[in-house]
Amino acid sequence: MPKLKTKSSLKKRFSRTGTGKIKFKPAGKRHGMSKRSNKFIRNTKRSAIMVPGDASLIDHMLPYNK
């Protein structure tokens, strides 16, 4: 069986925690912050944990990131 390829774009955007959950940074922070609410800016500062349903899709695309 051939080796599985890792999606390079996902490798840059997602990382795994010590317990195996997938961590990512929320989108929408590059520019245009003046029109965003303070709540949005505050909530997108920290990393987020992906919900299990979406995490299973990422698992297939990152086969060696266990």
Protein backbone atom coordinates (compact mmCIF):
# COMPACT_ATOMS: atom_id res chain seq x y z
CA MET A 1 0.00 0.00 0.00
CA PRO A 2 1.48 3.41 -0.93
CA LYS A 3 2.15 6.15 1.58
CA LEU A 4 -0.62 8.64 2.24
CA LYS A 5 0.01 12.28 1.38
CA THR A 6 -0.57 15.04 3.89
CA LYS A 7 -2.48 18.13 2.72
CA SER A 8 0.14 20.89 2.98
CA SER A 9 -2.42 23.65 3.40
CA LEU A 10 -3.94 21.91 6.43
CA LYS A 11 -0.53 21.22 7.92
CA LYS A 12 -0.02 24.98 8.25
CA ARG A 13 -3.45 25.75 9.68
CA PHE A 14 -4.19 22.99 12.20
CA SER A 15 -2.30 21.42 15.09
CA ARG A 16 -3.15 18.69 17.57
CA THR A 17 -3.36 19.10 21.33
CA GLY A 18 -1.92 16.66 23.83
CA THR A 19 -5.28 14.95 24.22
CA GLY A 20 -5.72 14.51 20.45
CA LYS A 21 -8.14 17.34 19.71
CA ILE A 22 -7.56 19.60 16.70
CA LYS A 23 -6.71 23.24 17.40
CA PHE A 24 -6.96 26.15 14.94
CA LYS A 25 -7.01 29.95 14.81
CA PRO A 26 -10.35 31.51 13.81
CA ALA A 27 -10.46 33.42 10.52
CA GLY A 28 -11.22 37.08 9.88
CA LYS A 29 -8.39 38.91 11.65
CA ARG A 30 -6.21 40.18 8.77
CA HIS A 31 -7.78 43.58 8.10
CA GLY A 32 -10.99 45.56 8.57
CA MET A 33 -11.00 45.31 12.36
CA SER A 34 -12.55 48.77 12.80
CA LYS A 35 -15.94 47.53 11.60
CA ARG A 36 -15.86 44.38 13.73
CA SER A 37 -17.46 44.24 17.15
CA ASN A 38 -15.34 44.08 20.28
CA LYS A 39 -16.87 40.69 21.06
CA PHE A 40 -15.71 39.30 17.70
CA ILE A 41 -12.17 40.64 18.14
CA ARG A 42 -11.97 39.22 21.68
CA ASN A 43 -13.29 35.79 20.72
CA THR A 44 -10.99 35.34 17.73
CA LYS A 45 -7.81 36.13 19.69
CA ARG A 46 -7.46 32.68 21.19
CA SER A 47 -7.22 29.33 19.48
CA ALA A 48 -10.37 27.26 19.09
CA ILE A 49 -10.96 23.51 19.33
CA MET A 50 -12.66 21.87 16.36
CA VAL A 51 -15.92 20.02 16.90
CA PRO A 52 -15.59 16.20 16.63
CA GLY A 53 -17.63 15.91 13.44
CA ASP A 54 -15.34 18.24 11.52
CA ALA A 55 -12.24 16.86 13.22
CA SER A 56 -12.82 13.45 11.65
CA LEU A 57 -12.57 15.04 8.18
CA ILE A 58 -9.27 16.67 9.09
CA ASP A 59 -7.96 13.34 10.42
CA HIS A 60 -8.19 11.84 6.93
CA MET A 61 -6.26 14.74 5.41
CA LEU A 62 -3.53 14.72 8.08
CA PRO A 63 -2.77 11.00 8.35
CA TYR A 64 0.54 11.31 10.23
CA ASN A 65 -0.41 14.10 12.63
CA LYS A 66 -1.49 11.86 15.51
